[in-house]
Amino acid sequence: FGGGCLPKDIRAFMARAGELGADQALTFLREVDSINMRRRGHMVELAREAVGGGSFLGTRVAVLGATFKPDSDDVRDSPAL
């Protein structure tokens, strides 16, 4: 996701599509939401591979770029945090 608004907006569109019976739109939006949520886990797995595939216990990890766009201080719903 990019920023704090996109996740809630997609879910609001999903709710409205459900109310309107727009099944194709609802299916599409559910998949968009699912893909975006899986990206978080994918990043954790990439980091795990970078430290040898084991546990993060005792490992220091730096997160660079915690905001969703350059020159922003908005970290709402930041997956990096």
N, C-alpha and C. Protein backbone atom coordinates (compact mmCIF):
# COMPACT_ATOMS: atom_id res chain seq x y z
N PHE A 1 0.84 -1.19 0.00
CA PHE A 1 0.00 0.00 0.00
C PHE A 1 0.87 1.23 0.00
N GLY A 2 0.35 2.31 -0.49
CA GLY A 2 1.05 3.58 -0.43
C GLY A 2 0.27 4.58 0.39
N GLY A 3 0.67 4.77 1.63
CA GLY A 3 0.02 5.77 2.47
C GLY A 3 -1.12 5.22 3.29
N GLY A 4 -1.62 6.08 4.16
CA GLY A 4 -2.67 5.66 5.07
C GLY A 4 -4.05 5.62 4.47
N CYS A 5 -4.26 6.29 3.35
CA CYS A 5 -5.62 6.39 2.79
C CYS A 5 -5.96 5.23 1.86
N LEU A 6 -5.01 4.73 1.12
CA LEU A 6 -5.31 3.71 0.12
C LEU A 6 -5.96 2.45 0.71
N PRO A 7 -5.44 1.91 1.82
CA PRO A 7 -6.10 0.70 2.36
C PRO A 7 -7.55 0.95 2.74
N LYS A 8 -7.83 2.06 3.41
CA LYS A 8 -9.22 2.32 3.82
C LYS A 8 -10.09 2.64 2.62
N ASP A 9 -9.54 3.29 1.61
CA ASP A 9 -10.32 3.61 0.42
C ASP A 9 -10.70 2.35 -0.35
N ILE A 10 -9.76 1.43 -0.49
CA ILE A 10 -10.06 0.18 -1.18
C ILE A 10 -11.14 -0.59 -0.44
N ARG A 11 -11.05 -0.60 0.88
CA ARG A 11 -12.06 -1.32 1.67
C ARG A 11 -13.41 -0.62 1.61
N ALA A 12 -13.42 0.70 1.52
CA ALA A 12 -14.68 1.42 1.35
C ALA A 12 -15.30 1.11 -0.01
N PHE A 13 -14.47 1.06 -1.05
CA PHE A 13 -14.96 0.68 -2.39
C PHE A 13 -15.53 -0.74 -2.36
N MET A 14 -14.86 -1.64 -1.62
CA MET A 14 -15.34 -3.01 -1.51
C MET A 14 -16.72 -3.04 -0.86
N ALA A 15 -16.89 -2.29 0.20
CA ALA A 15 -18.19 -2.26 0.88
C ALA A 15 -19.27 -1.73 -0.05
N ARG A 16 -18.95 -0.67 -0.78
CA ARG A 16 -19.95 -0.09 -1.69
C ARG A 16 -20.26 -1.04 -2.84
N ALA A 17 -19.23 -1.69 -3.39
CA ALA A 17 -19.45 -2.65 -4.47
C ALA A 17 -20.35 -3.78 -3.99
N GLY A 18 -20.16 -4.22 -2.74
CA GLY A 18 -21.02 -5.25 -2.18
C GLY A 18 -22.46 -4.79 -2.05
N GLU A 19 -22.65 -3.54 -1.62
CA GLU A 19 -24.00 -2.98 -1.49
C GLU A 19 -24.71 -2.91 -2.84
N LEU A 20 -23.94 -2.60 -3.88
CA LEU A 20 -24.51 -2.43 -5.22
C LEU A 20 -24.61 -3.74 -5.99
N GLY A 21 -24.07 -4.81 -5.43
CA GLY A 21 -24.10 -6.09 -6.13
C GLY A 21 -23.16 -6.14 -7.31
N ALA A 22 -22.11 -5.33 -7.27
CA ALA A 22 -21.13 -5.29 -8.35
C ALA A 22 -20.08 -6.37 -8.10
N ASP A 23 -20.44 -7.60 -8.38
CA ASP A 23 -19.62 -8.75 -8.02
C ASP A 23 -18.24 -8.74 -8.67
N GLN A 24 -18.14 -8.37 -9.94
CA GLN A 24 -16.84 -8.35 -10.60
C GLN A 24 -15.93 -7.32 -9.96
N ALA A 25 -16.46 -6.15 -9.66
CA ALA A 25 -15.65 -5.11 -9.01
C ALA A 25 -15.24 -5.57 -7.61
N LEU A 26 -16.14 -6.19 -6.90
CA LEU A 26 -15.84 -6.68 -5.55
C LEU A 26 -14.75 -7.74 -5.58
N THR A 27 -14.83 -8.65 -6.52
CA THR A 27 -13.80 -9.68 -6.66
C THR A 27 -12.45 -9.05 -6.96
N PHE A 28 -12.43 -8.09 -7.86
CA PHE A 28 -11.19 -7.40 -8.21
C PHE A 28 -10.61 -6.67 -7.00
N LEU A 29 -11.42 -5.92 -6.28
CA LEU A 29 -10.95 -5.15 -5.14
C LEU A 29 -10.46 -6.06 -4.01
N ARG A 30 -11.11 -7.19 -3.82
CA ARG A 30 -10.64 -8.15 -2.82
C ARG A 30 -9.25 -8.66 -3.18
N GLU A 31 -9.04 -8.91 -4.46
CA GLU A 31 -7.72 -9.38 -4.90
C GLU A 31 -6.66 -8.30 -4.72
N VAL A 32 -7.00 -7.06 -5.04
CA VAL A 32 -6.07 -5.94 -4.83
C VAL A 32 -5.67 -5.87 -3.36
N ASP A 33 -6.64 -5.93 -2.47
CA ASP A 33 -6.38 -5.87 -1.04
C ASP A 33 -5.51 -7.05 -0.60
N SER A 34 -5.82 -8.23 -1.08
CA SER A 34 -5.07 -9.42 -0.73
C SER A 34 -3.61 -9.33 -1.19
N ILE A 35 -3.41 -8.88 -2.41
CA ILE A 35 -2.05 -8.74 -2.95
C ILE A 35 -1.26 -7.76 -2.11
N ASN A 36 -1.85 -6.62 -1.79
CA ASN A 36 -1.15 -5.62 -1.01
C ASN A 36 -0.80 -6.13 0.39
N MET A 37 -1.67 -6.89 1.00
CA MET A 37 -1.38 -7.45 2.32
C MET A 37 -0.26 -8.50 2.24
N ARG A 38 -0.24 -9.29 1.19
CA ARG A 38 0.81 -10.32 1.04
C ARG A 38 2.18 -9.70 0.83
N ARG A 39 2.23 -8.50 0.28
CA ARG A 39 3.52 -7.84 0.04
C ARG A 39 4.29 -7.63 1.35
N ARG A 40 3.57 -7.38 2.43
CA ARG A 40 4.22 -7.18 3.73
C ARG A 40 4.97 -8.45 4.14
N GLY A 41 4.30 -9.57 4.06
CA GLY A 41 4.93 -10.84 4.41
C GLY A 41 6.09 -11.17 3.49
N HIS A 42 5.95 -10.81 2.22
CA HIS A 42 7.02 -11.06 1.25
C HIS A 42 8.29 -10.31 1.64
N MET A 43 8.14 -9.07 2.10
CA MET A 43 9.30 -8.28 2.51
C MET A 43 9.97 -8.90 3.73
N VAL A 44 9.19 -9.43 4.65
CA VAL A 44 9.76 -10.10 5.82
C VAL A 44 10.56 -11.31 5.37
N GLU A 45 10.03 -12.08 4.43
CA GLU A 45 10.75 -13.25 3.94
C GLU A 45 12.04 -12.87 3.22
N LEU A 46 12.02 -11.78 2.45
CA LEU A 46 13.25 -11.32 1.81
C LEU A 46 14.30 -10.93 2.85
N ALA A 47 13.87 -10.26 3.90
CA ALA A 47 14.80 -9.89 4.97
C ALA A 47 15.33 -11.14 5.67
N ARG A 48 14.46 -12.12 5.90
CA ARG A 48 14.88 -13.36 6.55
C ARG A 48 15.95 -14.07 5.70
N GLU A 49 15.76 -14.11 4.40
CA GLU A 49 16.75 -14.71 3.51
C GLU A 49 18.07 -13.95 3.59
N ALA A 50 18.00 -12.63 3.72
CA ALA A 50 19.21 -11.81 3.78
C ALA A 50 20.03 -12.08 5.04
N VAL A 51 19.40 -12.54 6.11
CA VAL A 51 20.13 -12.85 7.34
C VAL A 51 20.40 -14.34 7.48
N GLY A 52 20.30 -15.06 6.40
CA GLY A 52 20.65 -16.47 6.41
C GLY A 52 19.49 -17.43 6.55
N GLY A 53 18.28 -16.92 6.50
CA GLY A 53 17.11 -17.79 6.50
C GLY A 53 16.60 -18.22 7.85
N GLY A 54 17.26 -17.78 8.91
CA GLY A 54 16.83 -18.20 10.24
C GLY A 54 16.01 -17.16 10.96
N SER A 55 16.22 -17.12 12.24
CA SER A 55 15.47 -16.23 13.12
C SER A 55 16.06 -14.82 13.09
N PHE A 56 15.20 -13.85 13.38
CA PHE A 56 15.67 -12.47 13.54
C PHE A 56 16.14 -12.20 14.96
N LEU A 57 16.00 -13.15 15.85
CA LEU A 57 16.35 -12.97 17.25
C LEU A 57 17.81 -12.54 17.37
N GLY A 58 18.04 -11.39 17.99
CA GLY A 58 19.39 -10.86 18.16
C GLY A 58 19.94 -10.14 16.94
N THR A 59 19.14 -10.01 15.90
CA THR A 59 19.58 -9.35 14.67
C THR A 59 19.08 -7.92 14.64
N ARG A 60 19.95 -7.00 14.28
CA ARG A 60 19.53 -5.61 14.11
C ARG A 60 19.09 -5.40 12.68
N VAL A 61 17.96 -4.75 12.54
CA VAL A 61 17.41 -4.48 11.21
C VAL A 61 17.14 -2.99 11.12
N ALA A 62 17.63 -2.35 10.06
CA ALA A 62 17.36 -0.93 9.82
C ALA A 62 16.28 -0.80 8.76
N VAL A 63 15.34 0.09 9.00
CA VAL A 63 14.27 0.34 8.04
C VAL A 63 14.49 1.74 7.48
N LEU A 64 14.74 1.81 6.19
CA LEU A 64 14.94 3.09 5.52
C LEU A 64 13.73 3.37 4.65
N GLY A 65 13.27 4.58 4.67
CA GLY A 65 12.12 4.94 3.84
C GLY A 65 10.81 4.49 4.46
N ALA A 66 10.53 4.96 5.67
CA ALA A 66 9.33 4.52 6.38
C ALA A 66 8.05 5.18 5.88
N THR A 67 8.17 6.28 5.16
CA THR A 67 6.97 6.96 4.66
C THR A 67 6.62 6.41 3.28
N PHE A 68 5.44 6.77 2.81
CA PHE A 68 4.97 6.20 1.55
C PHE A 68 5.42 6.99 0.33
N LYS A 69 6.01 8.18 0.55
CA LYS A 69 6.52 8.96 -0.58
C LYS A 69 7.62 9.89 -0.08
N PRO A 70 8.50 10.34 -0.96
CA PRO A 70 9.59 11.22 -0.56
C PRO A 70 9.08 12.53 0.04
N ASP A 71 9.88 13.09 0.93
CA ASP A 71 9.60 14.39 1.55
C ASP A 71 8.28 14.42 2.30
N SER A 72 7.88 13.30 2.86
CA SER A 72 6.64 13.21 3.64
C SER A 72 6.99 12.75 5.04
N ASP A 73 6.27 13.26 6.02
CA ASP A 73 6.45 12.77 7.39
C ASP A 73 5.27 11.90 7.83
N ASP A 74 4.43 11.53 6.90
CA ASP A 74 3.23 10.75 7.18
C ASP A 74 3.58 9.26 7.19
N VAL A 75 3.54 8.65 8.37
CA VAL A 75 3.87 7.23 8.48
C VAL A 75 2.65 6.38 8.86
N ARG A 76 1.44 6.94 8.68
CA ARG A 76 0.23 6.18 9.00
C ARG A 76 0.19 4.88 8.21
N ASP A 77 -0.09 3.80 8.92
CA ASP A 77 -0.22 2.47 8.32
C ASP A 77 1.01 2.07 7.51
N SER A 78 2.18 2.55 7.92
CA SER A 78 3.41 2.22 7.20
C SER A 78 3.81 0.77 7.49
N PRO A 79 3.87 -0.07 6.46
CA PRO A 79 4.27 -1.46 6.68
C PRO A 79 5.69 -1.56 7.24
N ALA A 80 6.51 -0.54 6.98
CA ALA A 80 7.89 -0.57 7.46
C ALA A 80 7.96 -0.48 8.98
N LEU A 81 6.94 0.07 9.59
CA LEU A 81 6.96 0.22 11.05
C LEU A 81 6.21 -0.91 11.70
